[in-house]
Amino acid sequence: MDRRRPRTAAIALAGALAAGLAFAATPGPPLRGLRWLAPAVDPVRAMTTTPAECLALPADPAARRSVEIGRAAFRTPVVLGGQAARSGVACETCHRAGRTNPDFAFPGVSGPPGTADVTSSLFSTHRDDGVFDPRPIPDLSGPKARLKIDQTAQTRALESFIQGLVTEEFDGPRPPPAVLQGLADYVRALSPGACPTPADHAVSVADLMDDARRAEAAAETLAAAGDRPAALVMIAGARARLGLIDERFADPALSPQKQALLAADHRLAALAETLRGQGPPPLEGLARWRRDTVTLEAGLVREQSRSLFNPRRLAATLQVRLPREAS
C-alpha cells in the first residue's frame, strides 16, 4: 500500500478551490441553490429560509473540535470532489442543516422532489448501475433507528460509509483522516432531541459569516497540530461560505461590499498557499483574518436589506410574486 496516497489526495482535494471556486462566475440563476430546486417550489421561501440545525455539541473539547471539523466539511463542496464540487454540491445540498431537503430536484438525479439516485453516472463512474431509481433523501437529524447505517463509534460503519460515498458515489479523492472522522462525528451529533424552535429561520449574513469563522477556527487548530491537508479543507469551507454571501450582493450599488468580500477571500487563498508550502503554518494570519471578519460582517449586515438576502429583492430579481404575508 502506498502510504503517501492519503496525503497526496488530501492536498489535491484541498487545492480544488485555489482558482476561486468559491467566487466562480458561472452562467445560470442568480443563486446557485436555484439550480437544484423543484419547479413547483416557492424559490423565495426556499432561498431565504433554512431549517434549524439539530446539533448536540459534545462537552469533551476534543470531541467538540472533531464535530466542528465535520460541520465545516459537511458544508464544503470541495469535499465531494468531481462533478459535485464543480456544481457547488456539498453534503448540505441534500441534507440542509443536517436534515433532509424536500425541495431538492437535480436534473438526471432526482425523480420526485426530495429524492436522489445515488447510483447515477452523473456524479460517479464507480456506482452507476444503469437503473434510474431515485430514493427519498433521509433526515440525518431524525431518529437514529430509522437510518440504514449503524452510527455507533465502535463499529466505524459510518466512517466506511462516508468514505465510500465520497470516493465512489461522487468520484472524490479520499478525505484527510481528520475530515473523515469529523464528518462521522458531526452526523452522530445530529439528534432530534437537539432540534430548536422555531423549525426554520432566515438565511442571513450573520449565520454564513459564523460558519466561515467556525471553519477558519478549525483550520487554525488543525494547522497548529501539523495537519495541513485537513486545515486546507477547512479554509476551502470558509471560502465557500463567503461565496454564498457574495452571490447575494449582486446589485452594482453593493460593489464596495463585494470588493470587501473578495479581499477577504484573497487573504484566505494566500493563507492556504502558505500552508501548502514548507514554512511555518500562518497561525497569526489565520487568527487575524477571523478577527477582521467582525468588521466585514458589520458592513455587510448594514446593507443586507439591499441584497438578495431580502425576500422582496429576490422576488423582484426572479420576477415572482411574494405571498401576501411575506410582502
C-alpha atoms as a PDB file:
ATOM      1  CA  MET A   1       0.000   0.000   0.000  1.00  0.00           C
ATOM      2  CA  ASP A   2       1.299   3.473  -0.845  1.00  0.00           C
ATOM      3  CA  ARG A   3       1.144   5.286   2.483  1.00  0.00           C
ATOM      4  CA  ARG A   4       1.692   8.601   0.725  1.00  0.00           C
ATOM      5  CA  ARG A   5      -1.588   8.428  -1.147  1.00  0.00           C
ATOM      6  CA  PRO A   6      -3.964   9.811   1.532  1.00  0.00           C
ATOM      7  CA  ARG A   7      -1.821  12.946   1.953  1.00  0.00           C
ATOM      8  CA  THR A   8      -1.426  13.454  -1.809  1.00  0.00           C
ATOM      9  CA  ALA A   9      -5.147  13.041  -2.384  1.00  0.00           C
ATOM     10  CA  ALA A  10      -5.899  15.325   0.528  1.00  0.00           C
ATOM     11  CA  ILE A  11      -3.729  18.100  -0.866  1.00  0.00           C
ATOM     12  CA  ALA A  12      -5.375  17.714  -4.277  1.00  0.00           C
ATOM     13  CA  LEU A  13      -8.778  17.842  -2.600  1.00  0.00           C
ATOM     14  CA  ALA A  14      -7.949  20.924  -0.588  1.00  0.00           C
ATOM     15  CA  GLY A  15      -6.439  22.682  -3.589  1.00  0.00           C
ATOM     16  CA  ALA A  16      -9.610  22.485  -5.658  1.00  0.00           C
ATOM     17  CA  LEU A  17     -10.664  25.973  -4.582  1.00  0.00           C
ATOM     18  CA  ALA A  18      -7.282  27.531  -5.323  1.00  0.00           C
ATOM     19  CA  ALA A  19      -8.623  29.032  -8.548  1.00  0.00           C
ATOM     20  CA  GLY A  20     -11.519  30.708  -6.766  1.00  0.00           C
ATOM     21  CA  LEU A  21     -14.339  28.171  -6.977  1.00  0.00           C
ATOM     22  CA  ALA A  22     -15.992  29.965  -4.071  1.00  0.00           C
ATOM     23  CA  PHE A  23     -16.450  33.048  -6.270  1.00  0.00           C
ATOM     24  CA  ALA A  24     -16.739  31.325  -9.643  1.00  0.00           C
ATOM     25  CA  ALA A  25     -18.808  33.283 -12.137  1.00  0.00           C
ATOM     26  CA  THR A  26     -20.861  30.656 -13.926  1.00  0.00           C
ATOM     27  CA  PRO A  27     -23.925  31.189 -16.118  1.00  0.00           C
ATOM     28  CA  GLY A  28     -27.270  30.339 -14.611  1.00  0.00           C
ATOM     29  CA  PRO A  29     -29.684  31.627 -11.964  1.00  0.00           C
ATOM     30  CA  PRO A  30     -28.564  34.377  -9.578  1.00  0.00           C
ATOM     31  CA  LEU A  31     -28.262  31.933  -6.659  1.00  0.00           C
ATOM     32  CA  ARG A  32     -26.538  28.600  -7.118  1.00  0.00           C
ATOM     33  CA  GLY A  33     -29.102  26.766  -4.979  1.00  0.00           C
ATOM     34  CA  LEU A  34     -31.836  27.552  -7.500  1.00  0.00           C
ATOM     35  CA  ARG A  35     -30.235  25.026  -9.862  1.00  0.00           C
ATOM     36  CA  TRP A  36     -31.464  22.078  -7.807  1.00  0.00           C
ATOM     37  CA  LEU A  37     -34.842  23.424  -6.752  1.00  0.00           C
ATOM     38  CA  ALA A  38     -38.014  21.595  -7.759  1.00  0.00           C
ATOM     39  CA  PRO A  39     -40.078  23.691 -10.247  1.00  0.00           C
ATOM     40  CA  ALA A  40     -43.186  23.808  -8.060  1.00  0.00           C
ATOM     41  CA  VAL A  41     -41.291  25.095  -5.012  1.00  0.00           C
ATOM     42  CA  ASP A  42     -41.532  28.747  -3.974  1.00  0.00           C
ATOM     43  CA  PRO A  43     -37.966  29.863  -4.802  1.00  0.00           C
ATOM     44  CA  VAL A  44     -38.049  32.868  -2.499  1.00  0.00           C
ATOM     45  CA  ARG A  45     -39.059  30.827   0.549  1.00  0.00           C
ATOM     46  CA  ALA A  46     -36.538  28.110  -0.295  1.00  0.00           C
ATOM     47  CA  MET A  47     -33.651  30.546  -0.768  1.00  0.00           C
ATOM     48  CA  THR A  48     -34.336  32.859   2.173  1.00  0.00           C
ATOM     49  CA  THR A  49     -35.178  30.341   4.907  1.00  0.00           C
ATOM     50  CA  THR A  50     -33.318  27.297   6.182  1.00  0.00           C
ATOM     51  CA  PRO A  51     -34.123  24.542   8.662  1.00  0.00           C
ATOM     52  CA  ALA A  52     -32.792  24.902  12.187  1.00  0.00           C
ATOM     53  CA  GLU A  53     -29.767  22.721  12.896  1.00  0.00           C
ATOM     54  CA  CYS A  54     -30.350  19.860  15.360  1.00  0.00           C
ATOM     55  CA  LEU A  55     -26.793  19.680  16.692  1.00  0.00           C
ATOM     56  CA  ALA A  56     -25.852  18.483  20.158  1.00  0.00           C
ATOM     57  CA  LEU A  57     -22.243  19.601  20.597  1.00  0.00           C
ATOM     58  CA  PRO A  58     -20.234  17.287  22.868  1.00  0.00           C
ATOM     59  CA  ALA A  59     -18.900  18.619  26.173  1.00  0.00           C
ATOM     60  CA  ASP A  60     -15.485  16.992  25.660  1.00  0.00           C
ATOM     61  CA  PRO A  61     -13.196  19.563  23.947  1.00  0.00           C
ATOM     62  CA  ALA A  62     -11.531  17.068  21.585  1.00  0.00           C
ATOM     63  CA  ALA A  63     -14.869  15.575  20.533  1.00  0.00           C
ATOM     64  CA  ARG A  64     -16.270  19.070  20.061  1.00  0.00           C
ATOM     65  CA  ARG A  65     -13.349  20.026  17.802  1.00  0.00           C
ATOM     66  CA  SER A  66     -13.937  16.943  15.675  1.00  0.00           C
ATOM     67  CA  VAL A  67     -17.623  17.812  15.290  1.00  0.00           C
ATOM     68  CA  GLU A  68     -16.681  21.355  14.243  1.00  0.00           C
ATOM     69  CA  ILE A  69     -14.318  19.960  11.588  1.00  0.00           C
ATOM     70  CA  GLY A  70     -17.108  17.732  10.295  1.00  0.00           C
ATOM     71  CA  ARG A  71     -19.641  20.548  10.381  1.00  0.00           C
ATOM     72  CA  ALA A  72     -17.440  22.689   8.132  1.00  0.00           C
ATOM     73  CA  ALA A  73     -16.637  19.781   5.806  1.00  0.00           C
ATOM     74  CA  PHE A  74     -20.350  18.925   5.529  1.00  0.00           C
ATOM     75  CA  ARG A  75     -20.912  22.400   4.057  1.00  0.00           C
ATOM     76  CA  THR A  76     -17.901  22.364   1.696  1.00  0.00           C
ATOM     77  CA  PRO A  77     -18.415  21.326  -1.962  1.00  0.00           C
ATOM     78  CA  VAL A  78     -14.730  20.507  -2.456  1.00  0.00           C
ATOM     79  CA  VAL A  79     -15.065  17.513  -0.102  1.00  0.00           C
ATOM     80  CA  LEU A  80     -17.193  15.569  -2.589  1.00  0.00           C
ATOM     81  CA  GLY A  81     -14.892  16.311  -5.500  1.00  0.00           C
ATOM     82  CA  GLY A  82     -15.557  15.726  -9.196  1.00  0.00           C
ATOM     83  CA  GLN A  83     -18.716  16.964 -10.855  1.00  0.00           C
ATOM     84  CA  ALA A  84     -20.344  17.621  -7.487  1.00  0.00           C
ATOM     85  CA  ALA A  85     -17.650  20.101  -6.462  1.00  0.00           C
ATOM     86  CA  ARG A  86     -17.785  21.805  -9.865  1.00  0.00           C
ATOM     87  CA  SER A  87     -21.552  22.167  -9.473  1.00  0.00           C
ATOM     88  CA  GLY A  88     -21.244  23.515  -5.939  1.00  0.00           C
ATOM     89  CA  VAL A  89     -22.884  20.448  -4.384  1.00  0.00           C
ATOM     90  CA  ALA A  90     -21.980  19.653  -0.781  1.00  0.00           C
ATOM     91  CA  CYS A  91     -23.385  17.214   1.766  1.00  0.00           C
ATOM     92  CA  GLU A  92     -25.673  20.011   2.934  1.00  0.00           C
ATOM     93  CA  THR A  93     -27.211  20.334  -0.533  1.00  0.00           C
ATOM     94  CA  CYS A  94     -29.253  17.177   0.031  1.00  0.00           C
ATOM     95  CA  HIS A  95     -29.240  17.467   3.819  1.00  0.00           C
ATOM     96  CA  ARG A  96     -29.984  21.115   4.595  1.00  0.00           C
ATOM     97  CA  ALA A  97     -28.662  21.920   8.089  1.00  0.00           C
ATOM     98  CA  GLY A  98     -28.151  18.187   8.528  1.00  0.00           C
ATOM     99  CA  ARG A  99     -31.826  17.464   7.895  1.00  0.00           C
ATOM    100  CA  THR A 100     -33.389  16.399   4.600  1.00  0.00           C
ATOM    101  CA  ASN A 101     -34.293  18.542   1.594  1.00  0.00           C
ATOM    102  CA  PRO A 102     -37.850  18.049   0.289  1.00  0.00           C
ATOM    103  CA  ASP A 103     -37.257  20.785  -2.325  1.00  0.00           C
ATOM    104  CA  PHE A 104     -34.240  19.087  -3.941  1.00  0.00           C
ATOM    105  CA  ALA A 105     -34.516  18.223  -7.642  1.00  0.00           C
ATOM    106  CA  PHE A 106     -31.279  17.739  -9.573  1.00  0.00           C
ATOM    107  CA  PRO A 107     -31.731  17.000 -13.304  1.00  0.00           C
ATOM    108  CA  GLY A 108     -30.807  13.426 -14.075  1.00  0.00           C
ATOM    109  CA  VAL A 109     -30.507  12.502 -10.392  1.00  0.00           C
ATOM    110  CA  SER A 110     -33.920  13.226  -8.859  1.00  0.00           C
ATOM    111  CA  GLY A 111     -37.380  11.855  -9.527  1.00  0.00           C
ATOM    112  CA  PRO A 112     -39.997  13.462  -7.293  1.00  0.00           C
ATOM    113  CA  PRO A 113     -38.739  16.397  -5.189  1.00  0.00           C
ATOM    114  CA  GLY A 114     -36.645  15.291  -2.232  1.00  0.00           C
ATOM    115  CA  THR A 115     -35.192  12.218  -3.948  1.00  0.00           C
ATOM    116  CA  ALA A 116     -31.847  11.280  -5.466  1.00  0.00           C
ATOM    117  CA  ASP A 117     -30.428   8.347  -7.403  1.00  0.00           C
ATOM    118  CA  VAL A 118     -27.161   7.603  -5.591  1.00  0.00           C
ATOM    119  CA  THR A 119     -26.078   5.153  -8.299  1.00  0.00           C
ATOM    120  CA  SER A 120     -26.233   7.651 -11.159  1.00  0.00           C
ATOM    121  CA  SER A 121     -23.406   8.056 -13.675  1.00  0.00           C
ATOM    122  CA  LEU A 122     -23.808  11.840 -13.480  1.00  0.00           C
ATOM    123  CA  PHE A 123     -21.635  12.026 -10.373  1.00  0.00           C
ATOM    124  CA  SER A 124     -19.909   8.633 -10.333  1.00  0.00           C
ATOM    125  CA  THR A 125     -18.128   6.233 -12.624  1.00  0.00           C
ATOM    126  CA  HIS A 126     -17.989   3.647  -9.815  1.00  0.00           C
ATOM    127  CA  ARG A 127     -21.578   3.094  -8.731  1.00  0.00           C
ATOM    128  CA  ASP A 128     -23.551   3.575 -11.926  1.00  0.00           C
ATOM    129  CA  ASP A 129     -25.917   0.615 -12.166  1.00  0.00           C
ATOM    130  CA  GLY A 130     -27.713   1.720 -15.331  1.00  0.00           C
ATOM    131  CA  VAL A 131     -31.033   1.966 -13.485  1.00  0.00           C
ATOM    132  CA  PHE A 132     -32.796   5.228 -12.641  1.00  0.00           C
ATOM    133  CA  ASP A 133     -34.073   4.606  -9.130  1.00  0.00           C
ATOM    134  CA  PRO A 134     -34.136   7.797  -7.038  1.00  0.00           C
ATOM    135  CA  ARG A 135     -34.809   7.292  -3.325  1.00  0.00           C
ATOM    136  CA  PRO A 136     -36.042   9.709  -0.630  1.00  0.00           C
ATOM    137  CA  ILE A 137     -33.249  11.721   0.975  1.00  0.00           C
ATOM    138  CA  PRO A 138     -33.019  10.661   4.637  1.00  0.00           C
ATOM    139  CA  ASP A 139     -33.256  13.104   7.523  1.00  0.00           C
ATOM    140  CA  LEU A 140     -29.900  12.817   9.281  1.00  0.00           C
ATOM    141  CA  SER A 141     -31.355  14.580  12.314  1.00  0.00           C
ATOM    142  CA  GLY A 142     -34.204  12.105  12.701  1.00  0.00           C
ATOM    143  CA  PRO A 143     -34.276   9.058  14.969  1.00  0.00           C
ATOM    144  CA  LYS A 144     -31.098   7.046  14.554  1.00  0.00           C
ATOM    145  CA  ALA A 145     -33.066   3.793  14.348  1.00  0.00           C
ATOM    146  CA  ARG A 146     -34.600   4.925  11.044  1.00  0.00           C
ATOM    147  CA  LEU A 147     -31.220   5.358   9.355  1.00  0.00           C
ATOM    148  CA  LYS A 148     -29.756   2.409   7.484  1.00  0.00           C
ATOM    149  CA  ILE A 149     -26.155   2.891   8.675  1.00  0.00           C
ATOM    150  CA  ASP A 150     -25.090   1.942  12.189  1.00  0.00           C
ATOM    151  CA  GLN A 151     -23.764   5.131  13.785  1.00  0.00           C
ATOM    152  CA  THR A 152     -22.115   3.667  16.874  1.00  0.00           C
ATOM    153  CA  ALA A 153     -18.477   4.725  17.094  1.00  0.00           C
ATOM    154  CA  GLN A 154     -17.310   1.206  17.901  1.00  0.00           C
ATOM    155  CA  THR A 155     -18.252  -0.308  14.534  1.00  0.00           C
ATOM    156  CA  ARG A 156     -16.900   2.582  12.428  1.00  0.00           C
ATOM    157  CA  ALA A 157     -19.552   1.661   9.873  1.00  0.00           C
ATOM    158  CA  LEU A 158     -20.392   5.332   9.446  1.00  0.00           C
ATOM    159  CA  GLU A 159     -16.797   6.242   8.607  1.00  0.00           C
ATOM    160  CA  SER A 160     -16.646   3.472   5.990  1.00  0.00           C
ATOM    161  CA  PHE A 161     -19.975   4.576   4.513  1.00  0.00           C
ATOM    162  CA  ILE A 162     -18.903   8.224   4.232  1.00  0.00           C
ATOM    163  CA  GLN A 163     -15.581   7.320   2.642  1.00  0.00           C
ATOM    164  CA  GLY A 164     -17.359   5.144   0.086  1.00  0.00           C
ATOM    165  CA  LEU A 165     -19.880   7.893  -0.580  1.00  0.00           C
ATOM    166  CA  VAL A 166     -17.122  10.414  -1.310  1.00  0.00           C
ATOM    167  CA  THR A 167     -14.770   8.203  -3.296  1.00  0.00           C
ATOM    168  CA  GLU A 168     -17.305   6.029  -5.146  1.00  0.00           C
ATOM    169  CA  GLU A 169     -20.644   7.830  -5.245  1.00  0.00           C
ATOM    170  CA  PHE A 170     -19.061  11.186  -6.115  1.00  0.00           C
ATOM    171  CA  ASP A 171     -15.650  10.175  -7.511  1.00  0.00           C
ATOM    172  CA  GLY A 172     -13.928  12.423  -4.999  1.00  0.00           C
ATOM    173  CA  PRO A 173     -10.461  11.916  -3.512  1.00  0.00           C
ATOM    174  CA  ARG A 174     -10.164  10.232  -0.140  1.00  0.00           C
ATOM    175  CA  PRO A 175     -10.765  12.826   2.615  1.00  0.00           C
ATOM    176  CA  PRO A 176      -7.977  13.535   5.091  1.00  0.00           C
ATOM    177  CA  PRO A 177      -8.438  11.301   8.169  1.00  0.00           C
ATOM    178  CA  ALA A 178      -9.432  14.197  10.456  1.00  0.00           C
ATOM    179  CA  VAL A 179     -12.055  15.335   7.944  1.00  0.00           C
ATOM    180  CA  LEU A 180     -13.487  11.846   7.555  1.00  0.00           C
ATOM    181  CA  GLN A 181     -13.610  11.393  11.324  1.00  0.00           C
ATOM    182  CA  GLY A 182     -15.158  14.831  11.731  1.00  0.00           C
ATOM    183  CA  LEU A 183     -17.906  14.115   9.200  1.00  0.00           C
ATOM    184  CA  ALA A 184     -18.833  10.920  11.041  1.00  0.00           C
ATOM    185  CA  ASP A 185     -18.764  12.686  14.417  1.00  0.00           C
ATOM    186  CA  TYR A 186     -20.885  15.536  13.066  1.00  0.00           C
ATOM    187  CA  VAL A 187     -23.551  13.154  11.766  1.00  0.00           C
ATOM    188  CA  ARG A 188     -23.523  11.309  15.101  1.00  0.00           C
ATOM    189  CA  ALA A 189     -24.056  14.624  16.917  1.00  0.00           C
ATOM    190  CA  LEU A 190     -27.236  15.375  14.949  1.00  0.00           C
ATOM    191  CA  SER A 191     -30.225  14.450  17.055  1.00  0.00           C
ATOM    192  CA  PRO A 192     -33.991  15.072  17.048  1.00  0.00           C
ATOM    193  CA  GLY A 193     -33.675  15.942  20.725  1.00  0.00           C
ATOM    194  CA  ALA A 194     -31.447  18.905  19.816  1.00  0.00           C
ATOM    195  CA  CYS A 195     -33.863  20.495  17.325  1.00  0.00           C
ATOM    196  CA  PRO A 196     -34.575  24.087  18.367  1.00  0.00           C
ATOM    197  CA  THR A 197     -37.750  26.055  17.810  1.00  0.00           C
ATOM    198  CA  PRO A 198     -38.823  27.581  15.549  1.00  0.00           C
ATOM    199  CA  ALA A 199     -38.093  24.886  12.990  1.00  0.00           C
ATOM    200  CA  ASP A 200     -36.900  27.369  10.339  1.00  0.00           C
ATOM    201  CA  HIS A 201     -35.075  30.674  10.341  1.00  0.00           C
ATOM    202  CA  ALA A 202     -33.970  33.278   7.815  1.00  0.00           C
ATOM    203  CA  VAL A 203     -30.783  32.810   5.823  1.00  0.00           C
ATOM    204  CA  SER A 204     -28.523  35.667   6.902  1.00  0.00           C
ATOM    205  CA  VAL A 205     -25.110  37.225   6.556  1.00  0.00           C
ATOM    206  CA  ALA A 206     -24.501  36.638  10.259  1.00  0.00           C
ATOM    207  CA  ASP A 207     -25.074  32.882  10.051  1.00  0.00           C
ATOM    208  CA  LEU A 208     -22.914  32.410   6.954  1.00  0.00           C
ATOM    209  CA  MET A 209     -20.126  34.507   8.448  1.00  0.00           C
ATOM    210  CA  ASP A 210     -20.364  32.482  11.639  1.00  0.00           C
ATOM    211  CA  ASP A 211     -19.975  29.328   9.549  1.00  0.00           C
ATOM    212  CA  ALA A 212     -16.899  30.835   7.873  1.00  0.00           C
ATOM    213  CA  ARG A 213     -15.315  31.745  11.207  1.00  0.00           C
ATOM    214  CA  ARG A 214     -16.039  28.312  12.658  1.00  0.00           C
ATOM    215  CA  ALA A 215     -14.390  26.688   9.636  1.00  0.00           C
ATOM    216  CA  GLU A 216     -11.388  29.008   9.932  1.00  0.00           C
ATOM    217  CA  ALA A 217     -11.073  28.304  13.668  1.00  0.00           C
ATOM    218  CA  ALA A 218     -10.984  24.595  12.843  1.00  0.00           C
ATOM    219  CA  ALA A 219      -8.276  25.356  10.274  1.00  0.00           C
ATOM    220  CA  GLU A 220      -6.197  27.076  12.966  1.00  0.00           C
ATOM    221  CA  THR A 221      -6.499  24.100  15.301  1.00  0.00           C
ATOM    222  CA  LEU A 222      -5.534  21.637  12.578  1.00  0.00           C
ATOM    223  CA  ALA A 223      -2.653  23.753  11.277  1.00  0.00           C
ATOM    224  CA  ALA A 224      -1.271  24.130  14.805  1.00  0.00           C
ATOM    225  CA  ALA A 225      -1.383  20.343  15.154  1.00  0.00           C
ATOM    226  CA  GLY A 226       0.519  19.915  11.868  1.00  0.00           C
ATOM    227  CA  ASP A 227      -2.441  18.567   9.871  1.00  0.00           C
ATOM    228  CA  ARG A 228      -2.124  20.806   6.832  1.00  0.00           C
ATOM    229  CA  PRO A 229      -4.287  18.763   4.429  1.00  0.00           C
ATOM    230  CA  ALA A 230      -7.299  18.909   6.777  1.00  0.00           C
ATOM    231  CA  ALA A 231      -6.625  22.592   7.566  1.00  0.00           C
ATOM    232  CA  LEU A 232      -6.716  23.359   3.843  1.00  0.00           C
ATOM    233  CA  VAL A 233     -10.146  21.741   3.570  1.00  0.00           C
ATOM    234  CA  MET A 234     -11.361  23.987   6.406  1.00  0.00           C
ATOM    235  CA  ILE A 235     -10.062  27.082   4.616  1.00  0.00           C
ATOM    236  CA  ALA A 236     -11.895  25.926   1.496  1.00  0.00           C
ATOM    237  CA  GLY A 237     -15.010  25.690   3.660  1.00  0.00           C
ATOM    238  CA  ALA A 238     -14.634  29.247   4.900  1.00  0.00           C
ATOM    239  CA  ARG A 239     -14.148  30.495   1.334  1.00  0.00           C
ATOM    240  CA  ALA A 240     -17.249  28.623   0.179  1.00  0.00           C
ATOM    241  CA  ARG A 241     -19.371  30.432   2.804  1.00  0.00           C
ATOM    242  CA  LEU A 242     -18.001  33.776   1.641  1.00  0.00           C
ATOM    243  CA  GLY A 243     -19.026  32.780  -1.874  1.00  0.00           C
ATOM    244  CA  LEU A 244     -22.606  32.199  -0.745  1.00  0.00           C
ATOM    245  CA  ILE A 245     -22.703  35.722   0.686  1.00  0.00           C
ATOM    246  CA  ASP A 246     -21.063  37.212  -2.393  1.00  0.00           C
ATOM    247  CA  GLU A 247     -23.677  35.879  -4.823  1.00  0.00           C
ATOM    248  CA  ARG A 248     -26.412  37.714  -2.912  1.00  0.00           C
ATOM    249  CA  PHE A 249     -24.662  41.092  -3.140  1.00  0.00           C
ATOM    250  CA  ALA A 250     -25.349  41.261  -6.863  1.00  0.00           C
ATOM    251  CA  ASP A 251     -26.577  44.852  -7.126  1.00  0.00           C
ATOM    252  CA  PRO A 252     -23.858  47.084  -8.675  1.00  0.00           C
ATOM    253  CA  ALA A 253     -24.595  49.568  -5.885  1.00  0.00           C
ATOM    254  CA  LEU A 254     -23.192  46.977  -3.478  1.00  0.00           C
ATOM    255  CA  SER A 255     -19.815  46.894  -5.213  1.00  0.00           C
ATOM    256  CA  PRO A 256     -17.915  48.057  -2.077  1.00  0.00           C
ATOM    257  CA  GLN A 257     -19.296  45.097  -0.136  1.00  0.00           C
ATOM    258  CA  LYS A 258     -18.396  42.680  -2.932  1.00  0.00           C
ATOM    259  CA  GLN A 259     -14.885  44.096  -3.032  1.00  0.00           C
ATOM    260  CA  ALA A 260     -14.544  43.620   0.718  1.00  0.00           C
ATOM    261  CA  LEU A 261     -15.679  40.004   0.380  1.00  0.00           C
ATOM    262  CA  LEU A 262     -13.263  39.428  -2.477  1.00  0.00           C
ATOM    263  CA  ALA A 263     -10.411  40.854  -0.409  1.00  0.00           C
ATOM    264  CA  ALA A 264     -11.278  38.528   2.472  1.00  0.00           C
ATOM    265  CA  ASP A 265     -11.367  35.598   0.068  1.00  0.00           C
ATOM    266  CA  HIS A 266      -7.994  36.541  -1.414  1.00  0.00           C
ATOM    267  CA  ARG A 267      -6.496  36.649   2.069  1.00  0.00           C
ATOM    268  CA  LEU A 268      -7.733  33.134   2.743  1.00  0.00           C
ATOM    269  CA  ALA A 269      -6.364  31.959  -0.602  1.00  0.00           C
ATOM    270  CA  ALA A 270      -2.970  33.407   0.297  1.00  0.00           C
ATOM    271  CA  LEU A 271      -3.042  31.741   3.717  1.00  0.00           C
ATOM    272  CA  ALA A 272      -3.891  28.433   2.042  1.00  0.00           C
ATOM    273  CA  GLU A 273      -0.964  28.873  -0.337  1.00  0.00           C
ATOM    274  CA  THR A 274       1.345  29.428   2.628  1.00  0.00           C
ATOM    275  CA  LEU A 275       0.011  26.257   4.241  1.00  0.00           C
ATOM    276  CA  ARG A 276       0.857  24.321   1.098  1.00  0.00           C
ATOM    277  CA  GLY A 277       4.475  25.420   1.417  1.00  0.00           C
ATOM    278  CA  GLN A 278       7.248  24.190   3.660  1.00  0.00           C
ATOM    279  CA  GLY A 279       7.366  27.119   6.078  1.00  0.00           C
ATOM    280  CA  PRO A 280       5.664  27.525   9.462  1.00  0.00           C
ATOM    281  CA  PRO A 281       1.846  27.480   9.387  1.00  0.00           C
ATOM    282  CA  PRO A 282       0.374  31.010   9.234  1.00  0.00           C
ATOM    283  CA  LEU A 283      -1.396  30.782  12.594  1.00  0.00           C
ATOM    284  CA  GLU A 284      -1.317  34.502  13.352  1.00  0.00           C
ATOM    285  CA  GLY A 285      -2.556  35.325   9.857  1.00  0.00           C
ATOM    286  CA  LEU A 286      -5.466  32.940  10.269  1.00  0.00           C
ATOM    287  CA  ALA A 287      -6.375  34.374  13.673  1.00  0.00           C
ATOM    288  CA  ARG A 288      -6.147  37.927  12.310  1.00  0.00           C
ATOM    289  CA  TRP A 289      -8.440  37.030   9.408  1.00  0.00           C
ATOM    290  CA  ARG A 290     -11.045  35.728  11.843  1.00  0.00           C
ATOM    291  CA  ARG A 291     -10.847  38.871  13.959  1.00  0.00           C
ATOM    292  CA  ASP A 292     -11.132  41.115  10.912  1.00  0.00           C
ATOM    293  CA  THR A 293     -14.312  39.401   9.741  1.00  0.00           C
ATOM    294  CA  VAL A 294     -16.189  41.030  12.611  1.00  0.00           C
ATOM    295  CA  THR A 295     -15.776  44.391  10.868  1.00  0.00           C
ATOM    296  CA  LEU A 296     -16.501  42.835   7.482  1.00  0.00           C
ATOM    297  CA  GLU A 297     -19.706  41.304   8.803  1.00  0.00           C
ATOM    298  CA  ALA A 298     -20.894  44.590  10.304  1.00  0.00           C
ATOM    299  CA  GLY A 299     -20.582  46.319   6.926  1.00  0.00           C
ATOM    300  CA  LEU A 300     -22.414  43.503   5.158  1.00  0.00           C
ATOM    301  CA  VAL A 301     -25.227  43.407   7.704  1.00  0.00           C
ATOM    302  CA  ARG A 302     -25.807  47.131   7.266  1.00  0.00           C
ATOM    303  CA  GLU A 303     -26.528  46.553   3.577  1.00  0.00           C
ATOM    304  CA  GLN A 304     -28.211  43.153   3.854  1.00  0.00           C
ATOM    305  CA  SER A 305     -31.676  44.566   3.153  1.00  0.00           C
ATOM    306  CA  ARG A 306     -30.433  45.798  -0.252  1.00  0.00           C
ATOM    307  CA  SER A 307     -29.153  42.355  -1.195  1.00  0.00           C
ATOM    308  CA  LEU A 308     -30.748  39.067  -2.257  1.00  0.00           C
ATOM    309  CA  PHE A 309     -30.953  38.061   1.400  1.00  0.00           C
ATOM    310  CA  ASN A 310     -34.066  40.285   1.344  1.00  0.00           C
ATOM    311  CA  PRO A 311     -37.091  38.257   0.128  1.00  0.00           C
ATOM    312  CA  ARG A 312     -38.531  41.283  -1.691  1.00  0.00           C
ATOM    313  CA  ARG A 313     -35.295  41.892  -3.580  1.00  0.00           C
ATOM    314  CA  LEU A 314     -35.004  38.253  -4.515  1.00  0.00           C
ATOM    315  CA  ALA A 315     -38.630  38.084  -5.652  1.00  0.00           C
ATOM    316  CA  ALA A 316     -38.087  41.128  -7.862  1.00  0.00           C
ATOM    317  CA  THR A 317     -34.929  39.618  -9.346  1.00  0.00           C
ATOM    318  CA  LEU A 318     -36.679  36.307 -10.063  1.00  0.00           C
ATOM    319  CA  GLN A 319     -39.821  38.131 -11.240  1.00  0.00           C
ATOM    320  CA  VAL A 320     -42.086  36.183  -8.927  1.00  0.00           C
ATOM    321  CA  ARG A 321     -44.807  37.392  -6.613  1.00  0.00           C
ATOM    322  CA  LEU A 322     -44.379  37.087  -2.870  1.00  0.00           C
ATOM    323  CA  PRO A 323     -47.174  35.557  -0.778  1.00  0.00           C
ATOM    324  CA  ARG A 324     -49.259  38.308   0.798  1.00  0.00           C
ATOM    325  CA  GLU A 325     -47.975  37.626   4.328  1.00  0.00           C
ATOM    326  CA  ALA A 326     -44.339  37.982   3.184  1.00  0.00           C
ATOM    327  CA  SER A 327     -44.780  41.099   1.076  1.00  0.00           C
END
